[in-house]
Amino acid sequence: MCNDYEQHIRYAEYRKAMEERALRVPDHESELALPQADDIRIGDTGPVMRLTEDEAVELFPMTFGFPPPEAKGGNRKGGPVFNFRSEGRSFAASRRCLIPASAFFEFTGTRYPKAKHRFTLTGAPFLAIAGLWREGQGNKPPAFTMLTTTPGPDVAPIHNRQVVVLRPEDWGHWLHLTKPESELLRPLPEGSLAVEEVRGGSD
C-alpha cells in the first residue's frame, strides 16, 4: 500500500491547474505552501489541499497518517492509519482533501531493499490523491490519510490495492462532493498511470 510519495510540483503548474478548473486559491498563498520533497513517508509533513470556510482551496501542512485508534484505557494500539479503504463507505460528513503529488511509489519483494516503482498520471504534470483529514490533538498538527480502492490495470501487476487518483476535472467534485462517490473513488482506466522501476530489489 502507498506509504511514500513524491512532491516535485512547480507552484506555477499548480496555480495553472487550479485556474483551469475554476478552483480559487487564497490570495496570500505562495510557492512556500508547496515545498519540494523526494519522498514523503508516514509521519512526515506534506501539503494538503482542503476547503476553507469561504470555499477557497488552500494548501495546508499536515502529518501523513492518522494517529493509531484509541484502545480501552486510553492507550493507542497499532501504527498510524495512512491508507483508508473507500469501498462501501460514505464520506459526505467527512473532512475531504486532496494530496498533491508528482508521483506515488509502490514496493515489491520480501527482502530489504524492496523494488521501488514510481507511478505518474499520464498527460498531466502532477496528480492528486483523494484523502481525509482530521484536526490534531493538543499541540499536534492536523493529519491526513489516503483513500484506497481495488487496483486498476496499471497497478494490479504491482499491488493488490491502490490509492484513489483523481483526474484534475474531478478535484472540485471530491472536495465539494458534487458527484457520486462511486464515480470518484475507483481506479482509472488502463494507460492512465505510467510506471517505472526506479530501484531494483534484493529478491
C-alpha atoms as a PDB file:
ATOM      1  CA  MET A   1       0.000   0.000   0.000  1.00  0.00           C
ATOM      2  CA  CYS A   2       1.163   3.534  -0.648  1.00  0.00           C
ATOM      3  CA  ASN A   3       3.319   4.787   2.223  1.00  0.00           C
ATOM      4  CA  ASP A   4       5.625   7.020   0.193  1.00  0.00           C
ATOM      5  CA  TYR A   5       5.061   9.704  -2.423  1.00  0.00           C
ATOM      6  CA  GLU A   6       6.999  12.440  -4.223  1.00  0.00           C
ATOM      7  CA  GLN A   7       6.321  16.187  -4.300  1.00  0.00           C
ATOM      8  CA  HIS A   8       8.135  17.972  -7.122  1.00  0.00           C
ATOM      9  CA  ILE A   9       5.203  20.032  -8.377  1.00  0.00           C
ATOM     10  CA  ARG A  10       6.131  23.528  -9.506  1.00  0.00           C
ATOM     11  CA  TYR A  11       3.844  26.090  -7.909  1.00  0.00           C
ATOM     12  CA  ALA A  12       3.234  27.789 -11.270  1.00  0.00           C
ATOM     13  CA  GLU A  13       1.933  24.446 -12.627  1.00  0.00           C
ATOM     14  CA  TYR A  14      -0.257  24.039  -9.575  1.00  0.00           C
ATOM     15  CA  ARG A  15      -1.766  27.528  -9.933  1.00  0.00           C
ATOM     16  CA  LYS A  16      -2.406  26.973 -13.642  1.00  0.00           C
ATOM     17  CA  ALA A  17      -4.202  23.691 -12.952  1.00  0.00           C
ATOM     18  CA  MET A  18      -6.340  25.325 -10.281  1.00  0.00           C
ATOM     19  CA  GLU A  19      -7.285  28.236 -12.555  1.00  0.00           C
ATOM     20  CA  GLU A  20      -8.225  25.849 -15.377  1.00  0.00           C
ATOM     21  CA  ARG A  21     -10.650  24.091 -13.009  1.00  0.00           C
ATOM     22  CA  ALA A  22     -12.003  27.371 -11.560  1.00  0.00           C
ATOM     23  CA  LEU A  23     -10.754  26.402  -8.101  1.00  0.00           C
ATOM     24  CA  ARG A  24      -9.982  29.563  -6.142  1.00  0.00           C
ATOM     25  CA  VAL A  25      -6.667  29.826  -4.300  1.00  0.00           C
ATOM     26  CA  PRO A  26      -6.248  32.099  -1.234  1.00  0.00           C
ATOM     27  CA  ASP A  27      -4.741  35.489  -2.105  1.00  0.00           C
ATOM     28  CA  HIS A  28      -1.933  35.140   0.446  1.00  0.00           C
ATOM     29  CA  GLU A  29      -0.741  31.749  -0.798  1.00  0.00           C
ATOM     30  CA  SER A  30       2.701  31.418  -2.415  1.00  0.00           C
ATOM     31  CA  GLU A  31       5.183  28.772  -3.572  1.00  0.00           C
ATOM     32  CA  LEU A  32       6.207  28.363   0.078  1.00  0.00           C
ATOM     33  CA  ALA A  33       2.995  26.365   0.571  1.00  0.00           C
ATOM     34  CA  LEU A  34       4.245  23.654  -1.807  1.00  0.00           C
ATOM     35  CA  PRO A  35       7.697  22.571  -0.552  1.00  0.00           C
ATOM     36  CA  GLN A  36       9.633  20.059  -2.636  1.00  0.00           C
ATOM     37  CA  ALA A  37      10.414  16.543  -1.386  1.00  0.00           C
ATOM     38  CA  ASP A  38      11.832  13.392  -2.979  1.00  0.00           C
ATOM     39  CA  ASP A  39       9.924  11.224  -0.506  1.00  0.00           C
ATOM     40  CA  ILE A  40       7.088  11.982   1.901  1.00  0.00           C
ATOM     41  CA  ARG A  41       6.614   8.982   4.168  1.00  0.00           C
ATOM     42  CA  ILE A  42       4.364   8.077   7.095  1.00  0.00           C
ATOM     43  CA  GLY A  43       4.882  10.600   9.892  1.00  0.00           C
ATOM     44  CA  ASP A  44       6.313  13.248   7.551  1.00  0.00           C
ATOM     45  CA  THR A  45       4.630  16.577   6.832  1.00  0.00           C
ATOM     46  CA  GLY A  46       3.193  17.280   3.402  1.00  0.00           C
ATOM     47  CA  PRO A  47       0.950  19.956   1.825  1.00  0.00           C
ATOM     48  CA  VAL A  48      -2.725  19.021   1.588  1.00  0.00           C
ATOM     49  CA  MET A  49      -5.475  20.714  -0.435  1.00  0.00           C
ATOM     50  CA  ARG A  50      -8.567  21.459   1.661  1.00  0.00           C
ATOM     51  CA  LEU A  51     -11.563  23.793   1.520  1.00  0.00           C
ATOM     52  CA  THR A  52     -11.572  26.950   3.611  1.00  0.00           C
ATOM     53  CA  GLU A  53     -14.660  28.476   5.204  1.00  0.00           C
ATOM     54  CA  ASP A  54     -15.051  30.819   2.221  1.00  0.00           C
ATOM     55  CA  GLU A  55     -14.795  27.938  -0.283  1.00  0.00           C
ATOM     56  CA  ALA A  56     -11.230  28.583  -1.439  1.00  0.00           C
ATOM     57  CA  VAL A  57      -8.830  25.637  -1.778  1.00  0.00           C
ATOM     58  CA  GLU A  58      -5.794  26.139   0.409  1.00  0.00           C
ATOM     59  CA  LEU A  59      -2.565  24.190   0.760  1.00  0.00           C
ATOM     60  CA  PHE A  60      -2.049  23.304   4.408  1.00  0.00           C
ATOM     61  CA  PRO A  61       0.810  21.316   6.022  1.00  0.00           C
ATOM     62  CA  MET A  62      -0.345  18.074   7.669  1.00  0.00           C
ATOM     63  CA  THR A  63       1.157  14.873   9.034  1.00  0.00           C
ATOM     64  CA  PHE A  64       0.904  11.791   6.811  1.00  0.00           C
ATOM     65  CA  GLY A  65      -1.098   9.238   8.816  1.00  0.00           C
ATOM     66  CA  PHE A  66      -3.860   9.438  11.430  1.00  0.00           C
ATOM     67  CA  PRO A  67      -2.775   8.501  14.975  1.00  0.00           C
ATOM     68  CA  PRO A  68      -3.468   4.833  15.879  1.00  0.00           C
ATOM     69  CA  PRO A  69      -7.021   4.156  17.098  1.00  0.00           C
ATOM     70  CA  GLU A  70      -7.535   4.551  20.820  1.00  0.00           C
ATOM     71  CA  ALA A  71      -7.986   1.301  22.723  1.00  0.00           C
ATOM     72  CA  LYS A  72      -9.543   0.678  26.148  1.00  0.00           C
ATOM     73  CA  GLY A  73      -7.836   2.623  28.890  1.00  0.00           C
ATOM     74  CA  GLY A  74      -6.924   5.479  26.575  1.00  0.00           C
ATOM     75  CA  ASN A  75      -3.897   3.724  25.106  1.00  0.00           C
ATOM     76  CA  ARG A  76      -3.245   3.682  21.384  1.00  0.00           C
ATOM     77  CA  LYS A  77      -2.754   0.368  19.631  1.00  0.00           C
ATOM     78  CA  GLY A  78      -1.114  -0.271  16.289  1.00  0.00           C
ATOM     79  CA  GLY A  79       0.526   2.100  13.824  1.00  0.00           C
ATOM     80  CA  PRO A  80      -0.662   5.253  12.062  1.00  0.00           C
ATOM     81  CA  VAL A  81      -3.616   4.938   9.675  1.00  0.00           C
ATOM     82  CA  PHE A  82      -2.074   6.087   6.415  1.00  0.00           C
ATOM     83  CA  ASN A  83      -4.404   4.260   3.989  1.00  0.00           C
ATOM     84  CA  PHE A  84      -8.197   4.013   4.391  1.00  0.00           C
ATOM     85  CA  ARG A  85     -10.430   1.628   2.423  1.00  0.00           C
ATOM     86  CA  SER A  86     -13.076   3.544   0.456  1.00  0.00           C
ATOM     87  CA  GLU A  87     -15.444   0.785  -0.672  1.00  0.00           C
ATOM     88  CA  GLY A  88     -18.890   0.718   0.909  1.00  0.00           C
ATOM     89  CA  ARG A  89     -18.415   3.943   2.851  1.00  0.00           C
ATOM     90  CA  SER A  90     -19.981   7.391   2.687  1.00  0.00           C
ATOM     91  CA  PHE A  91     -17.744  10.421   3.142  1.00  0.00           C
ATOM     92  CA  ALA A  92     -20.387  13.149   2.962  1.00  0.00           C
ATOM     93  CA  ALA A  93     -19.824  14.081   6.608  1.00  0.00           C
ATOM     94  CA  SER A  94     -16.033  13.646   6.455  1.00  0.00           C
ATOM     95  CA  ARG A  95     -13.324  16.245   6.041  1.00  0.00           C
ATOM     96  CA  ARG A  96     -12.294  15.541   2.473  1.00  0.00           C
ATOM     97  CA  CYS A  97      -8.998  16.650   1.000  1.00  0.00           C
ATOM     98  CA  LEU A  98      -6.578  16.087  -1.857  1.00  0.00           C
ATOM     99  CA  ILE A  99      -2.927  15.175  -1.589  1.00  0.00           C
ATOM    100  CA  PRO A 100      -0.961  16.751  -4.471  1.00  0.00           C
ATOM    101  CA  ALA A 101       1.917  14.600  -5.716  1.00  0.00           C
ATOM    102  CA  SER A 102       4.207  14.438  -8.696  1.00  0.00           C
ATOM    103  CA  ALA A 103       4.268  10.649  -8.209  1.00  0.00           C
ATOM    104  CA  PHE A 104       3.479   7.886  -5.727  1.00  0.00           C
ATOM    105  CA  PHE A 105       5.506   4.765  -5.010  1.00  0.00           C
ATOM    106  CA  GLU A 106       4.712   1.101  -4.517  1.00  0.00           C
ATOM    107  CA  PHE A 107       7.159  -1.602  -3.455  1.00  0.00           C
ATOM    108  CA  THR A 108       7.553  -5.271  -4.349  1.00  0.00           C
ATOM    109  CA  GLY A 109       9.640  -8.056  -2.876  1.00  0.00           C
ATOM    110  CA  THR A 110      10.124  -9.631   0.520  1.00  0.00           C
ATOM    111  CA  ARG A 111      13.657  -8.521   1.421  1.00  0.00           C
ATOM    112  CA  TYR A 112      15.009  -5.033   2.026  1.00  0.00           C
ATOM    113  CA  PRO A 113      15.626  -3.023  -0.023  1.00  0.00           C
ATOM    114  CA  LYS A 114      12.463  -3.818  -1.925  1.00  0.00           C
ATOM    115  CA  ALA A 115      11.985  -2.856  -5.577  1.00  0.00           C
ATOM    116  CA  LYS A 116      10.547   0.672  -5.835  1.00  0.00           C
ATOM    117  CA  HIS A 117       8.009   1.531  -8.545  1.00  0.00           C
ATOM    118  CA  ARG A 118       7.132   5.133  -9.442  1.00  0.00           C
ATOM    119  CA  PHE A 119       3.611   5.956 -10.747  1.00  0.00           C
ATOM    120  CA  THR A 120       2.697   9.187 -12.546  1.00  0.00           C
ATOM    121  CA  LEU A 121      -0.527  10.416 -14.166  1.00  0.00           C
ATOM    122  CA  THR A 122      -0.305  10.202 -17.955  1.00  0.00           C
ATOM    123  CA  GLY A 123      -0.764  13.508 -19.770  1.00  0.00           C
ATOM    124  CA  ALA A 124      -0.706  15.641 -16.619  1.00  0.00           C
ATOM    125  CA  PRO A 125       2.107  17.485 -14.821  1.00  0.00           C
ATOM    126  CA  PHE A 126       1.016  16.016 -11.472  1.00  0.00           C
ATOM    127  CA  LEU A 127      -1.744  14.065  -9.760  1.00  0.00           C
ATOM    128  CA  ALA A 128      -3.922  14.354  -6.672  1.00  0.00           C
ATOM    129  CA  ILE A 129      -4.890  11.537  -4.323  1.00  0.00           C
ATOM    130  CA  ALA A 130      -8.282  11.512  -2.588  1.00  0.00           C
ATOM    131  CA  GLY A 131      -7.915  11.755   1.162  1.00  0.00           C
ATOM    132  CA  LEU A 132      -9.418  12.622   4.514  1.00  0.00           C
ATOM    133  CA  TRP A 133      -8.028  14.931   7.187  1.00  0.00           C
ATOM    134  CA  ARG A 134      -8.504  15.435  10.921  1.00  0.00           C
ATOM    135  CA  GLU A 135      -7.603  18.171  13.350  1.00  0.00           C
ATOM    136  CA  GLY A 136      -4.618  17.416  15.560  1.00  0.00           C
ATOM    137  CA  GLN A 137      -4.995  16.795  19.272  1.00  0.00           C
ATOM    138  CA  GLY A 138      -3.279  19.042  21.776  1.00  0.00           C
ATOM    139  CA  ASN A 139      -0.385  20.766  20.067  1.00  0.00           C
ATOM    140  CA  LYS A 140      -0.258  18.221  17.251  1.00  0.00           C
ATOM    141  CA  PRO A 141      -0.805  19.427  13.655  1.00  0.00           C
ATOM    142  CA  PRO A 142      -3.686  18.138  11.503  1.00  0.00           C
ATOM    143  CA  ALA A 143      -3.178  14.726   9.891  1.00  0.00           C
ATOM    144  CA  PHE A 144      -4.304  13.089   6.648  1.00  0.00           C
ATOM    145  CA  THR A 145      -4.838   9.624   5.231  1.00  0.00           C
ATOM    146  CA  MET A 146      -5.153   8.417   1.632  1.00  0.00           C
ATOM    147  CA  LEU A 147      -8.224   6.591   0.364  1.00  0.00           C
ATOM    148  CA  THR A 148      -7.704   3.258  -1.374  1.00  0.00           C
ATOM    149  CA  THR A 149      -9.655   1.123  -3.818  1.00  0.00           C
ATOM    150  CA  THR A 150      -9.275  -2.043  -5.870  1.00  0.00           C
ATOM    151  CA  PRO A 151      -6.261  -1.838  -8.186  1.00  0.00           C
ATOM    152  CA  GLY A 152      -6.729  -0.712 -11.762  1.00  0.00           C
ATOM    153  CA  PRO A 153      -4.948  -2.438 -14.652  1.00  0.00           C
ATOM    154  CA  ASP A 154      -1.886  -0.192 -14.308  1.00  0.00           C
ATOM    155  CA  VAL A 155      -1.345  -1.010 -10.624  1.00  0.00           C
ATOM    156  CA  ALA A 156      -2.598  -4.618 -10.390  1.00  0.00           C
ATOM    157  CA  PRO A 157       0.692  -6.185 -11.594  1.00  0.00           C
ATOM    158  CA  ILE A 158       2.469  -4.417  -8.714  1.00  0.00           C
ATOM    159  CA  HIS A 159      -0.001  -4.353  -5.810  1.00  0.00           C
ATOM    160  CA  ASN A 160      -3.402  -5.748  -4.780  1.00  0.00           C
ATOM    161  CA  ARG A 161      -4.675  -2.312  -3.645  1.00  0.00           C
ATOM    162  CA  GLN A 162      -4.114   1.249  -4.831  1.00  0.00           C
ATOM    163  CA  VAL A 163      -4.681   4.832  -3.734  1.00  0.00           C
ATOM    164  CA  VAL A 164      -7.545   6.715  -5.389  1.00  0.00           C
ATOM    165  CA  VAL A 165      -6.019   9.003  -8.026  1.00  0.00           C
ATOM    166  CA  LEU A 166      -8.357  11.753  -9.215  1.00  0.00           C
ATOM    167  CA  ARG A 167      -8.053  13.499 -12.562  1.00  0.00           C
ATOM    168  CA  PRO A 168      -7.943  17.328 -12.358  1.00  0.00           C
ATOM    169  CA  GLU A 169     -11.528  17.629 -13.584  1.00  0.00           C
ATOM    170  CA  ASP A 170     -12.689  15.686 -10.505  1.00  0.00           C
ATOM    171  CA  TRP A 171     -10.759  17.602  -7.835  1.00  0.00           C
ATOM    172  CA  GLY A 172     -13.601  20.024  -7.163  1.00  0.00           C
ATOM    173  CA  HIS A 173     -16.164  17.211  -7.290  1.00  0.00           C
ATOM    174  CA  TRP A 174     -14.382  15.399  -4.469  1.00  0.00           C
ATOM    175  CA  LEU A 175     -13.850  18.471  -2.286  1.00  0.00           C
ATOM    176  CA  HIS A 176     -17.474  19.611  -2.690  1.00  0.00           C
ATOM    177  CA  LEU A 177     -18.830  16.064  -3.227  1.00  0.00           C
ATOM    178  CA  THR A 178     -20.819  17.074  -6.295  1.00  0.00           C
ATOM    179  CA  LYS A 179     -20.507  13.651  -7.940  1.00  0.00           C
ATOM    180  CA  PRO A 180     -21.483  10.240  -6.569  1.00  0.00           C
ATOM    181  CA  GLU A 181     -18.653   8.692  -4.587  1.00  0.00           C
ATOM    182  CA  SER A 182     -18.938   5.546  -6.701  1.00  0.00           C
ATOM    183  CA  GLU A 183     -17.886   7.593  -9.740  1.00  0.00           C
ATOM    184  CA  LEU A 184     -14.930   9.199  -7.986  1.00  0.00           C
ATOM    185  CA  LEU A 185     -13.449   6.558  -5.706  1.00  0.00           C
ATOM    186  CA  ARG A 186     -12.498   3.971  -8.297  1.00  0.00           C
ATOM    187  CA  PRO A 187      -9.395   3.062 -10.310  1.00  0.00           C
ATOM    188  CA  LEU A 188      -8.628   4.869 -13.556  1.00  0.00           C
ATOM    189  CA  PRO A 189      -8.767   3.099 -16.941  1.00  0.00           C
ATOM    190  CA  GLU A 190      -5.777   1.245 -18.359  1.00  0.00           C
ATOM    191  CA  GLY A 191      -3.000   3.536 -19.546  1.00  0.00           C
ATOM    192  CA  SER A 192      -3.913   6.358 -17.154  1.00  0.00           C
ATOM    193  CA  LEU A 193      -0.890   5.747 -14.940  1.00  0.00           C
ATOM    194  CA  ALA A 194       2.676   5.335 -16.179  1.00  0.00           C
ATOM    195  CA  VAL A 195       5.011   3.177 -14.075  1.00  0.00           C
ATOM    196  CA  GLU A 196       8.766   2.786 -13.960  1.00  0.00           C
ATOM    197  CA  GLU A 197      11.035   0.813 -11.649  1.00  0.00           C
ATOM    198  CA  VAL A 198      13.330   3.351 -10.015  1.00  0.00           C
ATOM    199  CA  ARG A 199      15.138   0.935  -7.711  1.00  0.00           C
ATOM    200  CA  GLY A 200      15.756  -2.766  -8.045  1.00  0.00           C
ATOM    201  CA  GLY A 201      15.044  -5.127  -5.176  1.00  0.00           C
ATOM    202  CA  SER A 202      17.042  -7.750  -3.294  1.00  0.00           C
ATOM    203  CA  ASP A 203      14.847 -10.714  -4.214  1.00  0.00           C
END
